[in-house]
Protein backbone atom coordinates (compact mmCIF):
# COMPACT_ATOMS: atom_id res chain seq x y z
CA GLY A 1 7.19 19.73 1.24
CA LYS A 2 4.64 21.38 2.99
CA ASN A 3 5.20 24.71 1.06
CA ALA A 4 4.49 23.11 -2.32
CA SER A 5 2.14 24.85 -4.55
CA ALA A 6 -0.01 22.08 -5.19
CA GLY A 7 -0.61 21.00 -1.47
CA VAL A 8 0.74 18.25 0.77
CA GLY A 9 -0.45 14.82 1.75
CA ASN A 10 0.60 14.36 5.42
CA ILE A 11 0.07 10.96 7.10
CA LEU A 12 -0.08 10.72 10.45
CA THR A 13 -0.22 7.47 12.33
CA ASN A 14 -1.52 6.79 15.70
CA LYS A 15 1.11 6.99 18.73
CA PRO A 16 1.54 4.76 21.34
CA GLY A 17 -1.39 5.28 24.07
CA ASP A 18 -1.89 5.74 27.70
CA ALA A 19 -3.69 2.60 28.50
CA THR A 20 -3.26 -0.94 26.62
CA SER A 21 -5.62 -1.23 23.29
CA GLY A 22 -5.84 -3.08 20.47
CA SER A 23 -8.02 -3.66 17.08
CA VAL A 24 -8.76 -6.26 14.45
CA SER A 25 -10.38 -5.55 11.27
CA LEU A 26 -11.28 -8.20 8.62
CA THR A 27 -12.90 -7.35 5.22
CA ALA A 28 -14.24 -9.78 2.52
CA ALA A 29 -15.74 -8.45 -0.73
CA THR A 30 -17.79 -10.40 -3.58
CA ASP A 31 -15.00 -9.57 -5.65
CA GLY A 32 -12.35 -11.90 -4.01
CA ASP A 33 -10.94 -8.99 -2.24
CA TYR A 34 -9.86 -10.03 1.38
CA ARG A 35 -8.32 -7.67 3.81
CA GLY A 36 -7.20 -8.00 7.48
CA GLU A 37 -5.28 -5.32 9.88
CA ALA A 38 -4.58 -5.58 13.75
CA SER A 39 -2.73 -3.01 16.06
CA ILE A 40 -1.97 -3.12 19.89
CA SER A 41 -0.57 -0.41 21.68
CA THR A 42 0.62 -0.06 25.23
CA PRO A 43 2.18 2.12 27.66
CA ILE A 44 5.92 1.37 29.26
CA GLY A 45 7.25 2.97 32.23
CA GLY A 46 4.13 4.93 33.14
CA ASN A 47 5.68 8.15 31.93
CA GLY A 48 3.86 8.74 28.92
CA SER A 49 6.25 6.10 27.15
CA GLY A 50 4.92 3.45 24.96
CA ILE A 51 5.09 1.17 21.91
CA ARG A 52 2.53 0.50 19.09
CA VAL A 53 2.82 -2.22 16.52
CA SER A 54 0.24 -3.04 13.56
CA GLY A 55 0.14 -5.29 10.40
CA PHE A 56 -2.10 -5.73 7.29
CA TYR A 57 -2.51 -8.49 4.83
CA ARG A 58 -4.34 -8.11 1.58
CA ASP A 59 -5.40 -10.36 -0.96
CA TYR A 60 -7.05 -9.77 -4.54
CA ARG A 61 -7.11 -12.37 -7.00
CA GLY A 62 -7.48 -9.96 -9.67
CA ASN A 63 -10.71 -9.08 -12.05
CA VAL A 64 -9.43 -9.99 -15.54
CA ARG A 65 -8.84 -13.49 -16.86
CA ASN A 66 -5.82 -13.84 -18.99
CA LEU A 67 -6.67 -16.30 -21.45
CA THR A 68 -3.35 -16.84 -23.02
CA LEU A 69 -1.45 -17.58 -19.69
CA GLY A 70 -4.62 -19.32 -17.95
CA ARG A 71 -4.61 -16.84 -14.77
CA ARG A 72 -6.06 -13.68 -13.45
CA ALA A 73 -4.71 -10.26 -13.98
CA ASN A 74 -4.82 -7.02 -11.77
CA ASP A 75 -4.27 -9.18 -8.91
CA GLN A 76 -2.48 -7.83 -5.75
CA GLU A 77 -0.92 -9.25 -2.48
CA ASN A 78 0.19 -6.98 0.02
CA TYR A 79 1.50 -7.03 3.49
CA GLY A 80 3.59 -5.35 5.99
CA LEU A 81 4.15 -4.07 9.68
CA ARG A 82 4.72 -0.87 11.49
CA ALA A 83 5.92 -0.13 14.90
CA LYS A 84 6.44 2.96 16.82
CA ALA A 85 8.28 3.71 20.07
CA LYS A 86 7.64 6.74 22.12
CA LEU A 87 10.38 7.31 25.00
CA VAL A 88 9.87 10.03 27.54
CA LEU A 89 13.10 10.69 28.77
CA THR A 90 12.68 13.56 30.93
CA ASP A 91 10.01 16.11 31.37
CA ALA A 92 11.36 18.41 28.48
CA PHE A 93 12.92 15.48 26.21
CA ASN A 94 11.04 12.91 24.30
CA PHE A 95 11.79 10.74 21.41
CA THR A 96 9.72 8.72 18.62
CA LEU A 97 11.09 6.02 16.62
CA SER A 98 8.80 4.74 13.76
CA ASN A 99 9.73 1.92 11.42
CA SER A 100 7.64 0.15 8.88
CA TRP A 101 8.08 -2.62 6.17
CA SER A 102 5.77 -3.57 3.51
CA LYS A 103 5.77 -5.91 0.34
CA ALA A 104 3.33 -5.60 -2.88
CA LYS A 105 3.36 -8.80 -5.34
CA GLN A 106 1.22 -8.59 -8.39
CA SER A 107 0.96 -11.36 -11.37
CA GLY A 108 0.45 -8.49 -13.83
CA THR A 109 -1.99 -5.86 -15.17
CA THR A 110 -3.91 -5.29 -18.28
CA ASN A 111 -6.89 -3.69 -19.45
CA THR A 112 -10.05 -5.38 -21.56
CA ILE A 113 -11.10 -4.17 -24.89
CA ARG A 114 -14.67 -2.54 -24.46
CA SER A 115 -15.17 -1.36 -28.00
CA ILE A 116 -13.92 -1.79 -31.60
CA ASN A 117 -14.16 0.60 -34.26
CA PRO A 118 -16.73 -0.55 -36.91
CA LEU A 119 -15.13 1.22 -40.00
CA GLY A 120 -12.06 -0.23 -40.08
CA THR A 121 -9.93 -3.32 -38.95
CA PRO A 122 -9.53 -3.82 -35.53
CA ASN A 123 -5.97 -2.65 -34.31
CA SER A 124 -3.91 -1.21 -31.67
CA PHE A 125 -1.40 1.28 -32.82
CA GLY A 126 -1.49 -0.48 -36.24
CA ILE A 127 -1.20 -3.81 -35.00
CA PRO A 128 -3.95 -6.13 -35.96
CA LEU A 129 -5.91 -7.43 -32.86
CA VAL A 130 -7.91 -10.44 -34.69
CA PRO A 131 -5.54 -13.13 -33.44
CA SER A 132 -5.91 -11.47 -29.82
CA LEU A 133 -9.62 -11.76 -29.77
CA ILE A 134 -10.11 -15.39 -29.51
CA GLY A 135 -12.56 -16.14 -26.77
CA ILE A 136 -13.14 -12.48 -26.12
CA THR A 137 -16.28 -10.50 -26.76
CA PRO A 138 -15.56 -6.71 -26.67
CA GLY A 139 -18.12 -4.89 -24.29
CA VAL A 140 -18.51 -3.27 -21.00
CA GLY A 141 -18.91 -6.59 -19.37
CA ASN A 142 -15.76 -8.01 -20.81
CA TYR A 143 -13.17 -9.29 -18.22
CA ASN A 144 -11.08 -11.37 -20.66
CA ALA A 145 -8.03 -10.41 -22.17
CA ARG A 146 -5.10 -12.12 -23.91
CA ILE A 147 -1.51 -10.80 -22.75
CA ASP A 148 1.49 -12.98 -23.71
CA ALA A 149 3.80 -11.53 -21.07
CA PRO A 150 2.87 -11.76 -17.39
CA GLY A 151 4.37 -8.35 -16.48
CA ALA A 152 4.57 -9.25 -12.64
CA THR A 153 6.20 -6.77 -10.18
CA THR A 154 7.52 -6.66 -6.62
CA ASN A 155 7.78 -4.01 -4.33
CA LYS A 156 9.59 -3.98 -0.83
CA ILE A 157 9.42 -0.74 1.35
CA VAL A 158 11.30 -0.20 4.12
CA ALA A 159 11.13 3.28 6.03
CA VAL A 160 12.86 4.08 9.71
CA SER A 161 12.41 8.11 11.28
CA GLY A 162 13.03 9.44 14.33
CA ARG A 163 11.40 12.58 16.03
CA ALA A 164 13.45 14.22 18.99
CA VAL A 165 11.58 16.94 20.83
CA TYR A 166 13.09 19.35 23.44
CA GLU A 167 10.69 21.57 24.87
CA LEU A 168 11.90 24.92 26.16
CA ASP A 169 9.81 27.64 27.98
CA GLN A 170 9.16 29.83 24.77
CA ALA A 171 9.64 27.14 22.06
CA ASP A 172 10.42 23.75 21.45
CA ILE A 173 13.24 22.33 19.31
CA ILE A 174 12.37 19.45 17.01
CA SER A 175 14.64 17.23 15.03
CA VAL A 176 12.97 14.85 12.39
CA THR A 177 15.22 12.35 10.42
CA GLY A 178 14.23 9.49 8.04
CA PHE A 179 15.16 7.04 5.67
CA GLN A 180 13.53 5.25 2.97
CA ASP A 181 14.60 2.37 0.85
CA TRP A 182 12.07 1.26 -1.82
CA LYS A 183 13.06 -1.63 -4.27
CA PHE A 184 10.61 -1.85 -7.54
CA ASN A 185 11.15 -4.97 -9.34
């Protein structure tokens, strides 16, 4: 919460604007990381009410080659939508409903071998590594690994929240209610 001794992360998303607007952003990186984002906002009713919808997509092919399974690891595919509607019902009462949905998929994560202790047999927690080193040259530039289990993950997140504000002369009454469902497989 906001009174936490370690501080708080407070993420504020844009509200619907007073004029119709939109944006598009595309990014491509040399390591195979592609991203796209878009949003549109428009007023409704002319009294401060409005809606805003945004979406995103990211595809990153991964930076490590899994030699055992013949595919990349540390990859990510993420996509989602967010919508926000603000309804100004009277001069003193407004309600904002926010909804988001996102999904993230990953084929697996791994680390690479950067160095081996030259004083002993290469091992990791007592397990010999020699069979795992075929095709791998340990070092800073190593982006090859041998992992025999994919370790794939999928995340799905759905969130809904509502914020009602009733403005009085000396104070405001504010109610915030939210629900989030996170499935991690």
